[in-house]
Structure formats: C-alpha cells, structure tokens
Amino acid sequence: MRANRPLAWLLAGIAGWNLLTWTMFARNLAEAHAAGEDRPQGYWIAHTGLIVVNLVITAVLAGVSWRSLRAKG
C-alpha cells in the first residue's frame, strides 16, 4: 500500500506520536510493577498486550509511511 505524500507525512506523525506515548506508558507500567503496585495479574497482562499491539500498529504505520515517502512520483 502506498499513500500520497501528505497522507504519508500524517501517518509518520501518528507513528511517531504512538511510539512516544506507548513507550512512556510501558515505562510507567514497568516502574509501577517494580514498585510493587498491588494490581491483579490480569491488569499487567492486559496492559502489556495493549502496548505490544499498539507498537505493532506503530511499526506498520511507519513502514507504510516510509515506503510512500521513498516512492517516486
């Protein structure tokens, strides 16, 4: 899939924003777990799953954006 240049830049911006926010969330979650925050195990599993899925989506968006920006035309 290729997108036109303005859309490719938008996708790149969204990918960058996702990367920033989800890595910050992952760091905060890891710090909370290391501090011994009392939560059910399902909480940690669900939030870790959300982080992984959203970082995969970020990688896909970044890949589409990169390919579109590098395409000639």
N, C-alpha and C. Protein backbone atom coordinates (compact mmCIF):
# COMPACT_ATOMS: atom_id res chain seq x y z
N MET A 1 0.84 -1.18 0.00
CA MET A 1 0.00 0.00 0.00
C MET A 1 0.88 1.24 0.00
N ARG A 2 0.50 2.21 -0.82
CA ARG A 2 1.20 3.49 -0.83
C ARG A 2 0.19 4.60 -0.60
N ALA A 3 0.64 5.63 0.02
CA ALA A 3 -0.20 6.80 0.29
C ALA A 3 0.43 8.01 -0.39
N ASN A 4 -0.37 9.01 -0.68
CA ASN A 4 0.21 10.23 -1.23
C ASN A 4 1.06 10.90 -0.15
N ARG A 5 1.87 11.85 -0.56
CA ARG A 5 2.84 12.44 0.38
C ARG A 5 2.22 13.08 1.61
N PRO A 6 1.17 13.88 1.49
CA PRO A 6 0.60 14.46 2.71
C PRO A 6 0.08 13.38 3.67
N LEU A 7 -0.54 12.36 3.11
CA LEU A 7 -1.03 11.27 3.95
C LEU A 7 0.15 10.49 4.56
N ALA A 8 1.21 10.31 3.79
CA ALA A 8 2.39 9.62 4.31
C ALA A 8 2.99 10.39 5.49
N TRP A 9 3.03 11.72 5.38
CA TRP A 9 3.55 12.53 6.49
C TRP A 9 2.63 12.44 7.71
N LEU A 10 1.33 12.41 7.45
CA LEU A 10 0.38 12.26 8.56
C LEU A 10 0.60 10.92 9.26
N LEU A 11 0.75 9.85 8.48
CA LEU A 11 0.99 8.53 9.06
C LEU A 11 2.31 8.50 9.83
N ALA A 12 3.31 9.18 9.32
CA ALA A 12 4.59 9.26 10.03
C ALA A 12 4.43 9.99 11.36
N GLY A 13 3.66 11.06 11.35
CA GLY A 13 3.40 11.79 12.60
C GLY A 13 2.65 10.95 13.61
N ILE A 14 1.65 10.23 13.13
CA ILE A 14 0.87 9.36 14.02
C ILE A 14 1.77 8.25 14.58
N ALA A 15 2.60 7.67 13.73
CA ALA A 15 3.51 6.62 14.19
C ALA A 15 4.47 7.17 15.25
N GLY A 16 4.99 8.36 15.01
CA GLY A 16 5.90 8.97 16.00
C GLY A 16 5.20 9.25 17.31
N TRP A 17 4.00 9.77 17.24
CA TRP A 17 3.23 10.05 18.45
C TRP A 17 2.93 8.75 19.20
N ASN A 18 2.50 7.72 18.48
CA ASN A 18 2.24 6.42 19.11
C ASN A 18 3.48 5.87 19.78
N LEU A 19 4.61 5.96 19.09
CA LEU A 19 5.85 5.46 19.66
C LEU A 19 6.18 6.18 20.97
N LEU A 20 6.05 7.50 20.95
CA LEU A 20 6.33 8.29 22.15
C LEU A 20 5.38 7.91 23.30
N THR A 21 4.08 7.93 23.04
CA THR A 21 3.12 7.71 24.12
C THR A 21 3.14 6.29 24.65
N TRP A 22 3.24 5.30 23.75
CA TRP A 22 3.20 3.92 24.22
C TRP A 22 4.49 3.49 24.90
N THR A 23 5.64 4.04 24.49
CA THR A 23 6.87 3.71 25.22
C THR A 23 6.86 4.38 26.59
N MET A 24 6.31 5.59 26.69
CA MET A 24 6.18 6.22 28.01
C MET A 24 5.24 5.40 28.91
N PHE A 25 4.14 4.93 28.33
CA PHE A 25 3.20 4.12 29.09
C PHE A 25 3.87 2.83 29.54
N ALA A 26 4.65 2.21 28.65
CA ALA A 26 5.36 0.97 29.01
C ALA A 26 6.34 1.23 30.16
N ARG A 27 7.05 2.34 30.09
CA ARG A 27 8.00 2.67 31.17
C ARG A 27 7.27 2.89 32.49
N ASN A 28 6.16 3.61 32.44
CA ASN A 28 5.39 3.86 33.66
C ASN A 28 4.81 2.57 34.23
N LEU A 29 4.35 1.69 33.34
CA LEU A 29 3.81 0.40 33.79
C LEU A 29 4.90 -0.44 34.44
N ALA A 30 6.08 -0.45 33.82
CA ALA A 30 7.20 -1.21 34.38
C ALA A 30 7.63 -0.65 35.73
N GLU A 31 7.65 0.66 35.85
CA GLU A 31 8.02 1.28 37.13
C GLU A 31 6.99 0.96 38.21
N ALA A 32 5.72 0.97 37.85
CA ALA A 32 4.66 0.65 38.82
C ALA A 32 4.79 -0.80 39.27
N HIS A 33 5.09 -1.67 38.33
CA HIS A 33 5.25 -3.09 38.68
C HIS A 33 6.47 -3.29 39.58
N ALA A 34 7.56 -2.62 39.24
CA ALA A 34 8.79 -2.74 40.03
C ALA A 34 8.60 -2.16 41.44
N ALA A 35 7.74 -1.16 41.57
CA ALA A 35 7.47 -0.54 42.88
C ALA A 35 6.53 -1.40 43.72
N GLY A 36 6.04 -2.49 43.13
CA GLY A 36 5.18 -3.39 43.89
C GLY A 36 3.72 -2.95 43.95
N GLU A 37 3.29 -2.17 42.97
CA GLU A 37 1.89 -1.74 42.96
C GLU A 37 0.97 -2.96 42.97
N ASP A 38 -0.01 -2.91 43.87
CA ASP A 38 -0.88 -4.06 44.07
C ASP A 38 -2.02 -4.05 43.07
N ARG A 39 -1.87 -4.83 42.01
CA ARG A 39 -2.90 -4.97 40.97
C ARG A 39 -3.05 -6.46 40.66
N PRO A 40 -4.21 -6.85 40.17
CA PRO A 40 -4.38 -8.24 39.75
C PRO A 40 -3.46 -8.55 38.56
N GLN A 41 -3.11 -9.81 38.42
CA GLN A 41 -2.22 -10.21 37.33
C GLN A 41 -2.82 -9.87 35.97
N GLY A 42 -4.13 -9.97 35.83
CA GLY A 42 -4.78 -9.64 34.57
C GLY A 42 -4.55 -8.21 34.14
N TYR A 43 -4.41 -7.32 35.08
CA TYR A 43 -4.13 -5.91 34.79
C TYR A 43 -2.81 -5.78 34.05
N TRP A 44 -1.78 -6.44 34.57
CA TRP A 44 -0.46 -6.36 33.96
C TRP A 44 -0.46 -7.03 32.59
N ILE A 45 -1.12 -8.16 32.47
CA ILE A 45 -1.16 -8.88 31.20
C ILE A 45 -1.92 -8.07 30.15
N ALA A 46 -3.08 -7.54 30.51
CA ALA A 46 -3.89 -6.77 29.55
C ALA A 46 -3.15 -5.53 29.07
N HIS A 47 -2.54 -4.81 29.98
CA HIS A 47 -1.85 -3.58 29.58
C HIS A 47 -0.58 -3.88 28.77
N THR A 48 0.10 -4.95 29.10
CA THR A 48 1.25 -5.35 28.30
C THR A 48 0.81 -5.73 26.90
N GLY A 49 -0.31 -6.44 26.79
CA GLY A 49 -0.86 -6.79 25.48
C GLY A 49 -1.22 -5.56 24.67
N LEU A 50 -1.83 -4.57 25.32
CA LEU A 50 -2.16 -3.32 24.63
C LEU A 50 -0.91 -2.62 24.11
N ILE A 51 0.11 -2.61 24.90
CA ILE A 51 1.37 -1.98 24.49
C ILE A 51 1.94 -2.68 23.27
N VAL A 52 1.99 -4.00 23.32
CA VAL A 52 2.57 -4.76 22.21
C VAL A 52 1.77 -4.54 20.93
N VAL A 53 0.45 -4.67 21.02
CA VAL A 53 -0.40 -4.50 19.82
C VAL A 53 -0.24 -3.09 19.25
N ASN A 54 -0.23 -2.09 20.08
CA ASN A 54 -0.11 -0.72 19.58
C ASN A 54 1.27 -0.42 19.02
N LEU A 55 2.31 -1.04 19.55
CA LEU A 55 3.63 -0.85 18.96
C LEU A 55 3.74 -1.56 17.61
N VAL A 56 3.05 -2.68 17.44
CA VAL A 56 3.00 -3.33 16.13
C VAL A 56 2.27 -2.44 15.13
N ILE A 57 1.15 -1.87 15.54
CA ILE A 57 0.42 -0.93 14.67
C ILE A 57 1.31 0.25 14.31
N THR A 58 2.07 0.73 15.26
CA THR A 58 3.01 1.83 15.01
C THR A 58 4.03 1.44 13.95
N ALA A 59 4.56 0.23 14.06
CA ALA A 59 5.54 -0.24 13.08
C ALA A 59 4.93 -0.34 11.68
N VAL A 60 3.70 -0.80 11.59
CA VAL A 60 3.02 -0.89 10.29
C VAL A 60 2.82 0.50 9.70
N LEU A 61 2.33 1.43 10.51
CA LEU A 61 2.14 2.80 10.03
C LEU A 61 3.46 3.42 9.57
N ALA A 62 4.50 3.20 10.33
CA ALA A 62 5.81 3.75 9.97
C ALA A 62 6.31 3.12 8.67
N GLY A 63 6.08 1.83 8.49
CA GLY A 63 6.51 1.16 7.26
C GLY A 63 5.77 1.68 6.04
N VAL A 64 4.46 1.83 6.15
CA VAL A 64 3.66 2.37 5.03
C VAL A 64 4.12 3.80 4.72
N SER A 65 4.32 4.57 5.75
CA SER A 65 4.76 5.95 5.57
C SER A 65 6.13 6.00 4.90
N TRP A 66 7.04 5.20 5.36
CA TRP A 66 8.40 5.18 4.82
C TRP A 66 8.41 4.79 3.34
N ARG A 67 7.67 3.72 3.02
CA ARG A 67 7.60 3.28 1.63
C ARG A 67 6.95 4.34 0.74
N SER A 68 5.93 4.99 1.26
CA SER A 68 5.24 6.02 0.47
C SER A 68 6.12 7.24 0.25
N LEU A 69 6.87 7.62 1.25
CA LEU A 69 7.73 8.79 1.11
C LEU A 69 8.92 8.51 0.20
N ARG A 70 9.38 7.29 0.16
CA ARG A 70 10.51 6.93 -0.69
C ARG A 70 10.10 6.68 -2.13
N ALA A 71 8.83 6.42 -2.37
CA ALA A 71 8.35 6.14 -3.73
C ALA A 71 8.47 7.39 -4.60
N LYS A 72 8.85 7.17 -5.81
CA LYS A 72 8.93 8.30 -6.75
C LYS A 72 7.57 8.57 -7.33
N GLY A 73 7.27 9.84 -7.49
CA GLY A 73 6.00 10.19 -8.12
C GLY A 73 5.16 10.87 -7.16
